[in-house]
Amino acid sequence: YASPIIYGLSDLPHGLDRLAAFNPLAGIFALY
């Protein structure tokens, strides 16, 4: 639930999306 699977990084509030980027899965899923 902490990874952007059922949602995207852009769905997170401003600021939280930057913090979520430190979850390496966020960038990997974005590439997929």
PDB file of all heavy atoms in Angstrom:
ATOM      1  N   TYR A   1       0.813  -1.214   0.000  1.00  0.00           N
ATOM      2  CA  TYR A   1       0.000   0.000   0.000  1.00  0.00           C
ATOM      3  C   TYR A   1       0.848   1.267   0.000  1.00  0.00           C
ATOM      4  O   TYR A   1       0.349   2.343  -0.371  1.00  0.00           O
ATOM      5  CB  TYR A   1      -0.929  -0.010   1.217  1.00  0.00           C
ATOM      6  CG  TYR A   1      -1.961  -1.106   1.144  1.00  0.00           C
ATOM      7  CD1 TYR A   1      -1.810  -2.290   1.868  1.00  0.00           C
ATOM      8  CD2 TYR A   1      -3.078  -0.980   0.334  1.00  0.00           C
ATOM      9  CE1 TYR A   1      -2.745  -3.306   1.783  1.00  0.00           C
ATOM     10  CE2 TYR A   1      -4.026  -1.997   0.243  1.00  0.00           C
ATOM     11  CZ  TYR A   1      -3.857  -3.158   0.973  1.00  0.00           C
ATOM     12  OH  TYR A   1      -4.781  -4.166   0.878  1.00  0.00           O
ATOM     13  N   ALA A   2       2.117   1.145   0.412  1.00  0.00           N
ATOM     14  CA  ALA A   2       3.012   2.298   0.400  1.00  0.00           C
ATOM     15  C   ALA A   2       3.654   2.515  -0.958  1.00  0.00           C
ATOM     16  O   ALA A   2       4.348   3.515  -1.174  1.00  0.00           O
ATOM     17  CB  ALA A   2       4.100   2.139   1.460  1.00  0.00           C
ATOM     18  N   SER A   3       3.445   1.585  -1.876  1.00  0.00           N
ATOM     19  CA  SER A   3       3.993   1.687  -3.231  1.00  0.00           C
ATOM     20  C   SER A   3       2.886   2.063  -4.204  1.00  0.00           C
ATOM     21  O   SER A   3       1.719   1.688  -4.013  1.00  0.00           O
ATOM     22  CB  SER A   3       4.627   0.353  -3.656  1.00  0.00           C
ATOM     23  OG  SER A   3       5.654  -0.026  -2.755  1.00  0.00           O
ATOM     24  N   PRO A   4       3.216   2.798  -5.260  1.00  0.00           N
ATOM     25  CA  PRO A   4       2.200   3.227  -6.228  1.00  0.00           C
ATOM     26  C   PRO A   4       1.745   2.089  -7.135  1.00  0.00           C
ATOM     27  O   PRO A   4       2.182   1.966  -8.287  1.00  0.00           O
ATOM     28  CB  PRO A   4       2.915   4.327  -7.022  1.00  0.00           C
ATOM     29  CG  PRO A   4       4.363   3.991  -6.912  1.00  0.00           C
ATOM     30  CD  PRO A   4       4.541   3.361  -5.559  1.00  0.00           C
ATOM     31  N   ILE A   5       0.883   1.237  -6.597  1.00  0.00           N
ATOM     32  CA  ILE A   5       0.342   0.099  -7.350  1.00  0.00           C
ATOM     33  C   ILE A   5      -1.113   0.363  -7.723  1.00  0.00           C
ATOM     34  O   ILE A   5      -1.473   0.365  -8.893  1.00  0.00           O
ATOM     35  CB  ILE A   5       0.468  -1.204  -6.541  1.00  0.00           C
ATOM     36  CG1 ILE A   5       1.941  -1.499  -6.235  1.00  0.00           C
ATOM     37  CG2 ILE A   5      -0.175  -2.375  -7.297  1.00  0.00           C
ATOM     38  CD1 ILE A   5       2.157  -2.669  -5.325  1.00  0.00           C
ATOM     39  N   ILE A   6      -1.938   0.599  -6.721  1.00  0.00           N
ATOM     40  CA  ILE A   6      -3.352   0.896  -6.984  1.00  0.00           C
ATOM     41  C   ILE A   6      -3.559   2.382  -7.247  1.00  0.00           C
ATOM     42  O   ILE A   6      -4.667   2.813  -7.567  1.00  0.00           O
ATOM     43  CB  ILE A   6      -4.251   0.418  -5.826  1.00  0.00           C
ATOM     44  CG1 ILE A   6      -3.838   1.105  -4.513  1.00  0.00           C
ATOM     45  CG2 ILE A   6      -4.192  -1.092  -5.693  1.00  0.00           C
ATOM     46  CD1 ILE A   6      -4.707   0.698  -3.334  1.00  0.00           C
ATOM     47  N   TYR A   7      -2.500   3.152  -7.107  1.00  0.00           N
ATOM     48  CA  TYR A   7      -2.535   4.586  -7.398  1.00  0.00           C
ATOM     49  C   TYR A   7      -1.214   4.967  -8.050  1.00  0.00           C
ATOM     50  O   TYR A   7      -0.292   4.156  -8.136  1.00  0.00           O
ATOM     51  CB  TYR A   7      -2.747   5.410  -6.118  1.00  0.00           C
ATOM     52  CG  TYR A   7      -1.705   5.143  -5.050  1.00  0.00           C
ATOM     53  CD1 TYR A   7      -0.502   5.849  -5.024  1.00  0.00           C
ATOM     54  CD2 TYR A   7      -1.908   4.171  -4.077  1.00  0.00           C
ATOM     55  CE1 TYR A   7       0.467   5.605  -4.061  1.00  0.00           C
ATOM     56  CE2 TYR A   7      -0.954   3.913  -3.109  1.00  0.00           C
ATOM     57  CZ  TYR A   7       0.224   4.633  -3.101  1.00  0.00           C
ATOM     58  OH  TYR A   7       1.181   4.381  -2.153  1.00  0.00           O
ATOM     59  N   GLY A   8      -1.103   6.187  -8.526  1.00  0.00           N
ATOM     60  CA  GLY A   8       0.131   6.682  -9.121  1.00  0.00           C
ATOM     61  C   GLY A   8       0.774   7.739  -8.239  1.00  0.00           C
ATOM     62  O   GLY A   8       0.129   8.281  -7.326  1.00  0.00           O
ATOM     63  N   LEU A   9       2.034   8.054  -8.503  1.00  0.00           N
ATOM     64  CA  LEU A   9       2.706   9.094  -7.726  1.00  0.00           C
ATOM     65  C   LEU A   9       1.983  10.432  -7.846  1.00  0.00           C
ATOM     66  O   LEU A   9       1.940  11.205  -6.887  1.00  0.00           O
ATOM     67  CB  LEU A   9       4.159   9.243  -8.197  1.00  0.00           C
ATOM     68  CG  LEU A   9       5.154   8.186  -7.714  1.00  0.00           C
ATOM     69  CD1 LEU A   9       6.516   8.418  -8.367  1.00  0.00           C
ATOM     70  CD2 LEU A   9       5.277   8.209  -6.197  1.00  0.00           C
ATOM     71  N   SER A  10       1.417  10.689  -9.003  1.00  0.00           N
ATOM     72  CA  SER A  10       0.727  11.964  -9.212  1.00  0.00           C
ATOM     73  C   SER A  10      -0.558  12.073  -8.399  1.00  0.00           C
ATOM     74  O   SER A  10      -1.105  13.175  -8.252  1.00  0.00           O
ATOM     75  CB  SER A  10       0.413  12.149 -10.695  1.00  0.00           C
ATOM     76  OG  SER A  10      -0.389  11.078 -11.189  1.00  0.00           O
ATOM     77  N   ASP A  11      -1.055  10.956  -7.862  1.00  0.00           N
ATOM     78  CA  ASP A  11      -2.267  10.975  -7.048  1.00  0.00           C
ATOM     79  C   ASP A  11      -1.975  11.360  -5.604  1.00  0.00           C
ATOM     80  O   ASP A  11      -2.905  11.639  -4.845  1.00  0.00           O
ATOM     81  CB  ASP A  11      -2.954   9.601  -7.064  1.00  0.00           C
ATOM     82  CG  ASP A  11      -3.420   9.219  -8.459  1.00  0.00           C
ATOM     83  OD1 ASP A  11      -4.043  10.072  -9.113  1.00  0.00           O
ATOM     84  OD2 ASP A  11      -3.151   8.093  -8.893  1.00  0.00           O
ATOM     85  N   LEU A  12      -0.711  11.364  -5.217  1.00  0.00           N
ATOM     86  CA  LEU A  12      -0.339  11.705  -3.853  1.00  0.00           C
ATOM     87  C   LEU A  12      -0.333  13.218  -3.660  1.00  0.00           C
ATOM     88  O   LEU A  12      -0.100  13.971  -4.609  1.00  0.00           O
ATOM     89  CB  LEU A  12       1.046  11.133  -3.531  1.00  0.00           C
ATOM     90  CG  LEU A  12       1.167   9.610  -3.545  1.00  0.00           C
ATOM     91  CD1 LEU A  12       2.621   9.189  -3.348  1.00  0.00           C
ATOM     92  CD2 LEU A  12       0.292   8.988  -2.462  1.00  0.00           C
ATOM     93  N   PRO A  13      -0.572  13.678  -2.415  1.00  0.00           N
ATOM     94  CA  PRO A  13      -0.523  15.113  -2.134  1.00  0.00           C
ATOM     95  C   PRO A  13       0.856  15.692  -2.430  1.00  0.00           C
ATOM     96  O   PRO A  13       1.863  14.978  -2.381  1.00  0.00           O
ATOM     97  CB  PRO A  13      -0.846  15.187  -0.628  1.00  0.00           C
ATOM     98  CG  PRO A  13      -1.555  13.912  -0.330  1.00  0.00           C
ATOM     99  CD  PRO A  13      -0.964  12.884  -1.243  1.00  0.00           C
ATOM    100  N   HIS A  14       0.890  16.980  -2.706  1.00  0.00           N
ATOM    101  CA  HIS A  14       2.156  17.641  -3.021  1.00  0.00           C
ATOM    102  C   HIS A  14       3.115  17.512  -1.838  1.00  0.00           C
ATOM    103  O   HIS A  14       2.759  17.776  -0.701  1.00  0.00           O
ATOM    104  CB  HIS A  14       1.914  19.116  -3.330  1.00  0.00           C
ATOM    105  CG  HIS A  14       3.180  19.863  -3.654  1.00  0.00           C
ATOM    106  ND1 HIS A  14       3.897  19.622  -4.816  1.00  0.00           N
ATOM    107  CD2 HIS A  14       3.860  20.819  -2.961  1.00  0.00           C
ATOM    108  CE1 HIS A  14       4.965  20.414  -4.834  1.00  0.00           C
ATOM    109  NE2 HIS A  14       4.960  21.146  -3.724  1.00  0.00           N
ATOM    110  N   GLY A  15       4.333  17.130  -2.122  1.00  0.00           N
ATOM    111  CA  GLY A  15       5.335  16.925  -1.080  1.00  0.00           C
ATOM    112  C   GLY A  15       5.472  15.458  -0.722  1.00  0.00           C
ATOM    113  O   GLY A  15       6.583  14.952  -0.563  1.00  0.00           O
ATOM    114  N   LEU A  16       4.330  14.781  -0.603  1.00  0.00           N
ATOM    115  CA  LEU A  16       4.358  13.353  -0.290  1.00  0.00           C
ATOM    116  C   LEU A  16       4.859  12.538  -1.469  1.00  0.00           C
ATOM    117  O   LEU A  16       5.470  11.479  -1.287  1.00  0.00           O
ATOM    118  CB  LEU A  16       2.970  12.875   0.138  1.00  0.00           C
ATOM    119  CG  LEU A  16       2.877  11.450   0.705  1.00  0.00           C
ATOM    120  CD1 LEU A  16       3.788  11.296   1.921  1.00  0.00           C
ATOM    121  CD2 LEU A  16       1.438  11.121   1.077  1.00  0.00           C
ATOM    122  N   ASP A  17       4.616  13.048  -2.676  1.00  0.00           N
ATOM    123  CA  ASP A  17       5.097  12.339  -3.860  1.00  0.00           C
ATOM    124  C   ASP A  17       6.622  12.333  -3.915  1.00  0.00           C
ATOM    125  O   ASP A  17       7.236  11.364  -4.382  1.00  0.00           O
ATOM    126  CB  ASP A  17       4.512  12.952  -5.131  1.00  0.00           C
ATOM    127  CG  ASP A  17       4.831  14.435  -5.254  1.00  0.00           C
ATOM    128  OD1 ASP A  17       5.159  15.050  -4.237  1.00  0.00           O
ATOM    129  OD2 ASP A  17       4.746  14.962  -6.371  1.00  0.00           O
ATOM    130  N   ARG A  18       7.255  13.412  -3.430  1.00  0.00           N
ATOM    131  CA  ARG A  18       8.720  13.458  -3.380  1.00  0.00           C
ATOM    132  C   ARG A  18       9.256  12.476  -2.357  1.00  0.00           C
ATOM    133  O   ARG A  18      10.271  11.811  -2.572  1.00  0.00           O
ATOM    134  CB  ARG A  18       9.178  14.878  -3.025  1.00  0.00           C
ATOM    135  CG  ARG A  18       8.895  15.899  -4.115  1.00  0.00           C
ATOM    136  CD  ARG A  18       9.793  15.668  -5.310  1.00  0.00           C
ATOM    137  NE  ARG A  18       9.532  16.606  -6.394  1.00  0.00           N
ATOM    138  CZ  ARG A  18      10.235  16.665  -7.510  1.00  0.00           C
ATOM    139  NH1 ARG A  18      11.233  15.827  -7.710  1.00  0.00           N
ATOM    140  NH2 ARG A  18       9.941  17.536  -8.453  1.00  0.00           N
ATOM    141  N   LEU A  19       8.568  12.375  -1.232  1.00  0.00           N
ATOM    142  CA  LEU A  19       8.979  11.417  -0.206  1.00  0.00           C
ATOM    143  C   LEU A  19       8.797   9.988  -0.689  1.00  0.00           C
ATOM    144  O   LEU A  19       9.641   9.119  -0.457  1.00  0.00           O
ATOM    145  CB  LEU A  19       8.169  11.656   1.072  1.00  0.00           C
ATOM    146  CG  LEU A  19       8.487  10.752   2.268  1.00  0.00           C
ATOM    147  CD1 LEU A  19       9.949  10.952   2.712  1.00  0.00           C
ATOM    148  CD2 LEU A  19       7.537  11.044   3.427  1.00  0.00           C
ATOM    149  N   ALA A  20       7.692   9.740  -1.399  1.00  0.00           N
ATOM    150  CA  ALA A  20       7.406   8.390  -1.908  1.00  0.00           C
ATOM    151  C   ALA A  20       8.422   7.960  -2.950  1.00  0.00           C
ATOM    152  O   ALA A  20       8.609   6.762  -3.178  1.00  0.00           O
ATOM    153  CB  ALA A  20       6.000   8.344  -2.496  1.00  0.00           C
ATOM    154  N   ALA A  21       9.089   8.924  -3.589  1.00  0.00           N
ATOM    155  CA  ALA A  21      10.079   8.599  -4.615  1.00  0.00           C
ATOM    156  C   ALA A  21      11.276   7.846  -4.045  1.00  0.00           C
ATOM    157  O   ALA A  21      12.004   7.174  -4.784  1.00  0.00           O
ATOM    158  CB  ALA A  21      10.548   9.874  -5.312  1.00  0.00           C
ATOM    159  N   PHE A  22      11.492   7.953  -2.724  1.00  0.00           N
ATOM    160  CA  PHE A  22      12.606   7.241  -2.095  1.00  0.00           C
ATOM    161  C   PHE A  22      12.293   5.760  -1.899  1.00  0.00           C
ATOM    162  O   PHE A  22      13.164   4.999  -1.475  1.00  0.00           O
ATOM    163  CB  PHE A  22      12.960   7.900  -0.752  1.00  0.00           C
ATOM    164  CG  PHE A  22      13.686   9.200  -0.924  1.00  0.00           C
ATOM    165  CD1 PHE A  22      12.988  10.393  -1.047  1.00  0.00           C
ATOM    166  CD2 PHE A  22      15.073   9.236  -1.001  1.00  0.00           C
ATOM    167  CE1 PHE A  22      13.655  11.600  -1.225  1.00  0.00           C
ATOM    168  CE2 PHE A  22      15.750  10.431  -1.175  1.00  0.00           C
ATOM    169  CZ  PHE A  22      15.036  11.621  -1.287  1.00  0.00           C
ATOM    170  N   ASN A  23      11.068   5.377  -2.173  1.00  0.00           N
ATOM    171  CA  ASN A  23      10.734   3.957  -2.301  1.00  0.00           C
ATOM    172  C   ASN A  23      11.170   3.538  -3.699  1.00  0.00           C
ATOM    173  O   ASN A  23      10.582   3.989  -4.681  1.00  0.00           O
ATOM    174  CB  ASN A  23       9.237   3.753  -2.114  1.00  0.00           C
ATOM    175  CG  ASN A  23       8.790   2.317  -2.372  1.00  0.00           C
ATOM    176  OD1 ASN A  23       9.590   1.450  -2.728  1.00  0.00           O
ATOM    177  ND2 ASN A  23       7.514   2.066  -2.202  1.00  0.00           N
ATOM    178  N   PRO A  24      12.212   2.718  -3.834  1.00  0.00           N
ATOM    179  CA  PRO A  24      12.739   2.405  -5.177  1.00  0.00           C
ATOM    180  C   PRO A  24      11.720   1.788  -6.107  1.00  0.00           C
ATOM    181  O   PRO A  24      11.849   1.893  -7.339  1.00  0.00           O
ATOM    182  CB  PRO A  24      13.895   1.444  -4.883  1.00  0.00           C
ATOM    183  CG  PRO A  24      13.625   0.902  -3.516  1.00  0.00           C
ATOM    184  CD  PRO A  24      12.923   1.996  -2.778  1.00  0.00           C
ATOM    185  N   LEU A  25      10.694   1.161  -5.549  1.00  0.00           N
ATOM    186  CA  LEU A  25       9.661   0.564  -6.399  1.00  0.00           C
ATOM    187  C   LEU A  25       8.861   1.631  -7.140  1.00  0.00           C
ATOM    188  O   LEU A  25       8.309   1.361  -8.210  1.00  0.00           O
ATOM    189  CB  LEU A  25       8.716  -0.298  -5.554  1.00  0.00           C
ATOM    190  CG  LEU A  25       9.312  -1.594  -4.985  1.00  0.00           C
ATOM    191  CD1 LEU A  25       8.305  -2.280  -4.083  1.00  0.00           C
ATOM    192  CD2 LEU A  25       9.744  -2.533  -6.101  1.00  0.00           C
ATOM    193  N   ALA A  26       8.800   2.841  -6.590  1.00  0.00           N
ATOM    194  CA  ALA A  26       8.032   3.908  -7.234  1.00  0.00           C
ATOM    195  C   ALA A  26       8.600   4.227  -8.616  1.00  0.00           C
ATOM    196  O   ALA A  26       7.865   4.310  -9.605  1.00  0.00           O
ATOM    197  CB  ALA A  26       8.025   5.153  -6.351  1.00  0.00           C
ATOM    198  N   GLY A  27       9.911   4.416  -8.701  1.00  0.00           N
ATOM    199  CA  GLY A  27      10.539   4.697  -9.985  1.00  0.00           C
ATOM    200  C   GLY A  27      10.481   3.517 -10.933  1.00  0.00           C
ATOM    201  O   GLY A  27      10.293   3.686 -12.152  1.00  0.00           O
ATOM    202  N   ILE A  28      10.635   2.314 -10.385  1.00  0.00           N
ATOM    203  CA  ILE A  28      10.590   1.107 -11.213  1.00  0.00           C
ATOM    204  C   ILE A  28       9.200   0.931 -11.830  1.00  0.00           C
ATOM    205  O   ILE A  28       9.051   0.663 -13.027  1.00  0.00           O
ATOM    206  CB  ILE A  28      10.987  -0.124 -10.386  1.00  0.00           C
ATOM    207  CG1 ILE A  28      12.471  -0.047 -10.000  1.00  0.00           C
ATOM    208  CG2 ILE A  28      10.699  -1.420 -11.146  1.00  0.00           C
ATOM    209  CD1 ILE A  28      12.909  -1.100  -9.010  1.00  0.00           C
ATOM    210  N   PHE A  29       8.152   1.084 -11.016  1.00  0.00           N
ATOM    211  CA  PHE A  29       6.789   0.943 -11.526  1.00  0.00           C
ATOM    212  C   PHE A  29       6.467   2.048 -12.532  1.00  0.00           C
ATOM    213  O   PHE A  29       5.703   1.822 -13.482  1.00  0.00           O
ATOM    214  CB  PHE A  29       5.784   0.977 -10.373  1.00  0.00           C
ATOM    215  CG  PHE A  29       5.860  -0.230  -9.470  1.00  0.00           C
ATOM    216  CD1 PHE A  29       5.260  -0.226  -8.218  1.00  0.00           C
ATOM    217  CD2 PHE A  29       6.531  -1.374  -9.867  1.00  0.00           C
ATOM    218  CE1 PHE A  29       5.329  -1.334  -7.391  1.00  0.00           C
ATOM    219  CE2 PHE A  29       6.607  -2.492  -9.043  1.00  0.00           C
ATOM    220  CZ  PHE A  29       6.000  -2.468  -7.798  1.00  0.00           C
ATOM    221  N   ALA A  30       7.032   3.238 -12.321  1.00  0.00           N
ATOM    222  CA  ALA A  30       6.812   4.332 -13.272  1.00  0.00           C
ATOM    223  C   ALA A  30       7.377   3.980 -14.646  1.00  0.00           C
ATOM    224  O   ALA A  30       6.777   4.314 -15.678  1.00  0.00           O
ATOM    225  CB  ALA A  30       7.443   5.613 -12.737  1.00  0.00           C
ATOM    226  N   LEU A  31       8.524   3.304 -14.657  1.00  0.00           N
ATOM    227  CA  LEU A  31       9.113   2.879 -15.929  1.00  0.00           C
ATOM    228  C   LEU A  31       8.231   1.844 -16.622  1.00  0.00           C
ATOM    229  O   LEU A  31       8.026   1.902 -17.841  1.00  0.00           O
ATOM    230  CB  LEU A  31      10.509   2.297 -15.684  1.00  0.00           C
ATOM    231  CG  LEU A  31      11.613   3.303 -15.339  1.00  0.00           C
ATOM    232  CD1 LEU A  31      12.873   2.572 -14.907  1.00  0.00           C
ATOM    233  CD2 LEU A  31      11.914   4.205 -16.530  1.00  0.00           C
ATOM    234  N   TYR A  32       7.727   0.891 -15.861  1.00  0.00           N
ATOM    235  CA  TYR A  32       6.828  -0.104 -16.446  1.00  0.00           C
ATOM    236  C   TYR A  32       5.584   0.566 -17.036  1.00  0.00           C
ATOM    237  O   TYR A  32       5.172   0.279 -18.163  1.00  0.00           O
ATOM    238  CB  TYR A  32       6.391  -1.123 -15.391  1.00  0.00           C
ATOM    239  CG  TYR A  32       7.431  -2.150 -15.016  1.00  0.00           C
ATOM    240  CD1 TYR A  32       7.864  -2.290 -13.694  1.00  0.00           C
ATOM    241  CD2 TYR A  32       7.965  -3.011 -15.966  1.00  0.00           C
ATOM    242  CE1 TYR A  32       8.805  -3.247 -13.338  1.00  0.00           C
ATOM    243  CE2 TYR A  32       8.902  -3.973 -15.625  1.00  0.00           C
ATOM    244  CZ  TYR A  32       9.323  -4.084 -14.310  1.00  0.00           C
ATOM    245  OH  TYR A  32      10.261  -5.027 -13.954  1.00  0.00           O
TER     246      TYR A  32
END
